[in-house]
Amino acid sequence: MTTAKDIMHPGAHWITRNETLQRAAQLMNTLNVGALPVGDETHDERLCGIITDRDIVVKCVARGQNPAECTAADIIEGMPRWIDADAGLDDVLREMESHRIRRLPVIENKRMVGMISEADLARHLPDEQFAEFAERVYAASPV
């Protein structure tokens, strides 16, 4: 059985809730990623959110705010979704499709060990199955 750990991109660079969005964007640029997990430094890097490059643009820049002054805590919302490293591929797809998310942290022994993105799914799924995933995530997306 293919597991989340088999298809994830290993490792994860965290930012804390108090990190500025400017620093987050710089780190995304350096790492060539579109999302970063946000950890709560007071609770041993507990996953408390994920920010994306789009979040920075839509929730900060487009509203006229300064990314050098806004923090990750200012824009993260809701409870972050995640999957256990031993979960099967069907569980990964179900979680991402049902919550219409494009990136999914992978947790093992209460620690984040990687991230699954659309690119990871594209590499590991047959074309038809990936097309079905994309349709479910994007087709009904609100405008």
Protein backbone atom coordinates (compact mmCIF):
# COMPACT_ATOMS: atom_id res chain seq x y z
CA MET A 1 0.00 0.00 0.00
CA THR A 2 1.29 3.45 -0.92
CA THR A 3 1.36 5.71 2.13
CA ALA A 4 1.46 9.45 2.69
CA LYS A 5 5.12 9.11 3.64
CA ASP A 6 5.86 7.43 0.30
CA ILE A 7 4.58 10.34 -1.78
CA MET A 8 5.32 13.38 0.41
CA HIS A 9 8.07 15.89 -0.10
CA PRO A 10 10.23 15.18 2.97
CA GLY A 11 11.22 17.83 5.47
CA ALA A 12 9.54 21.08 6.23
CA HIS A 13 10.76 24.56 6.95
CA TRP A 14 8.61 26.19 9.62
CA ILE A 15 7.93 29.76 10.46
CA THR A 16 6.52 30.88 13.77
CA ARG A 17 3.28 32.75 14.29
CA ASN A 18 5.27 35.91 15.01
CA GLU A 19 7.31 35.81 11.77
CA THR A 20 6.57 38.62 9.32
CA LEU A 21 4.95 37.90 5.99
CA GLN A 22 7.91 39.56 4.31
CA ARG A 23 10.23 36.97 5.89
CA ALA A 24 7.79 34.19 4.95
CA ALA A 25 7.79 35.36 1.31
CA GLN A 26 11.58 35.53 1.28
CA LEU A 27 11.80 31.99 2.65
CA MET A 28 9.26 30.73 0.09
CA ASN A 29 11.37 32.32 -2.64
CA THR A 30 14.60 30.78 -1.33
CA LEU A 31 13.04 27.33 -0.95
CA ASN A 32 11.01 27.58 -4.16
CA VAL A 33 7.80 26.60 -2.36
CA GLY A 34 4.34 28.12 -2.31
CA ALA A 35 3.40 27.34 1.30
CA LEU A 36 4.93 27.17 4.76
CA PRO A 37 3.64 25.53 7.90
CA VAL A 38 3.19 27.87 10.84
CA GLY A 39 4.21 26.65 14.26
CA ASP A 40 3.37 27.92 17.69
CA GLU A 41 6.73 28.37 19.39
CA THR A 42 5.17 28.20 22.85
CA HIS A 43 3.90 24.65 22.22
CA ASP A 44 6.98 22.92 20.82
CA GLU A 45 6.33 23.78 17.17
CA ARG A 46 2.72 22.63 17.21
CA LEU A 47 1.20 23.06 13.76
CA CYS A 48 -1.22 25.95 14.04
CA GLY A 49 -1.64 26.88 10.40
CA ILE A 50 -0.28 27.07 6.90
CA ILE A 51 0.30 30.19 4.87
CA THR A 52 0.58 30.31 1.11
CA ASP A 53 2.00 32.84 -1.27
CA ARG A 54 -1.59 33.57 -2.30
CA ASP A 55 -2.55 34.24 1.35
CA ILE A 56 0.18 36.87 1.58
CA VAL A 57 -1.07 38.61 -1.55
CA VAL A 58 -4.81 38.39 -0.88
CA LYS A 59 -4.91 38.82 2.91
CA CYS A 60 -2.14 41.40 3.26
CA VAL A 61 -0.87 43.14 0.12
CA ALA A 62 -4.27 43.49 -1.61
CA ARG A 63 -5.68 45.04 1.57
CA GLY A 64 -2.97 47.69 1.61
CA GLN A 65 -1.12 46.22 4.57
CA ASN A 66 2.66 46.07 4.89
CA PRO A 67 4.11 42.51 4.74
CA ALA A 68 7.05 43.74 6.84
CA GLU A 69 4.60 44.52 9.65
CA CYS A 70 1.98 41.75 9.28
CA THR A 71 2.72 38.40 10.89
CA ALA A 72 1.71 34.87 10.04
CA ALA A 73 -0.69 34.98 13.01
CA ASP A 74 -2.50 37.88 11.33
CA ILE A 75 -3.58 35.77 8.37
CA ILE A 76 -3.83 32.11 9.38
CA GLU A 77 -7.39 30.87 9.74
CA GLY A 78 -9.12 27.79 11.07
CA MET A 79 -7.72 24.47 12.11
CA PRO A 80 -4.97 23.10 9.85
CA ARG A 81 -5.64 19.76 8.20
CA TRP A 82 -2.98 17.04 8.28
CA ILE A 83 -2.52 13.33 7.65
CA ASP A 84 -0.63 10.60 9.45
CA ALA A 85 2.50 9.36 7.65
CA ASP A 86 1.10 5.80 7.55
CA ALA A 87 -2.23 6.81 5.98
CA GLY A 88 -2.97 5.28 2.60
CA LEU A 89 -3.16 7.18 -0.66
CA ASP A 90 -6.97 6.91 -0.68
CA ASP A 91 -7.05 8.65 2.72
CA VAL A 92 -4.76 11.40 1.43
CA LEU A 93 -7.01 12.01 -1.56
CA ARG A 94 -10.16 11.92 0.57
CA GLU A 95 -8.72 14.49 3.01
CA MET A 96 -7.53 16.86 0.28
CA GLU A 97 -10.68 16.54 -1.82
CA SER A 98 -13.19 16.82 1.02
CA HIS A 99 -11.53 19.98 2.35
CA ARG A 100 -10.54 21.23 -1.12
CA ILE A 101 -6.94 21.79 -0.12
CA ARG A 102 -3.88 21.69 -2.32
CA ARG A 103 -1.21 20.99 0.31
CA LEU A 104 -1.34 18.57 3.21
CA PRO A 105 1.17 18.31 6.08
CA VAL A 106 2.30 14.79 6.98
CA ILE A 107 2.68 14.02 10.68
CA GLU A 108 4.63 11.16 12.28
CA ASN A 109 5.03 10.74 16.04
CA LYS A 110 3.44 14.17 16.59
CA ARG A 111 6.07 15.88 14.36
CA MET A 112 5.67 17.20 10.85
CA VAL A 113 7.88 15.16 8.54
CA GLY A 114 6.81 16.44 5.15
CA MET A 115 4.18 17.96 2.92
CA ILE A 116 2.07 16.54 0.11
CA SER A 117 1.33 18.95 -2.72
CA GLU A 118 -0.49 18.67 -6.02
CA ALA A 119 2.89 18.14 -7.69
CA ASP A 120 3.51 15.11 -5.46
CA LEU A 121 0.13 13.68 -6.42
CA ALA A 122 0.82 14.34 -10.12
CA ARG A 123 4.05 12.34 -9.85
CA HIS A 124 2.44 9.37 -8.10
CA LEU A 125 -1.06 9.09 -9.54
CA PRO A 126 -2.09 7.86 -12.97
CA ASP A 127 -3.13 10.79 -15.19
CA GLU A 128 -6.82 9.89 -15.03
CA GLN A 129 -6.85 9.70 -11.23
CA PHE A 130 -4.98 13.00 -10.92
CA ALA A 131 -7.48 14.62 -13.32
CA GLU A 132 -10.33 13.40 -11.10
CA PHE A 133 -8.60 14.86 -8.04
CA ALA A 134 -8.11 18.22 -9.77
CA GLU A 135 -11.73 18.31 -10.91
CA ARG A 136 -13.00 17.63 -7.39
CA VAL A 137 -10.76 20.28 -5.82
CA TYR A 138 -11.11 23.00 -8.46
CA ALA A 139 -14.40 22.51 -10.28
CA ALA A 140 -16.65 23.59 -7.43
CA SER A 141 -14.28 26.24 -6.08
CA PRO A 142 -16.03 29.48 -5.19
CA VAL A 143 -15.03 32.45 -7.28
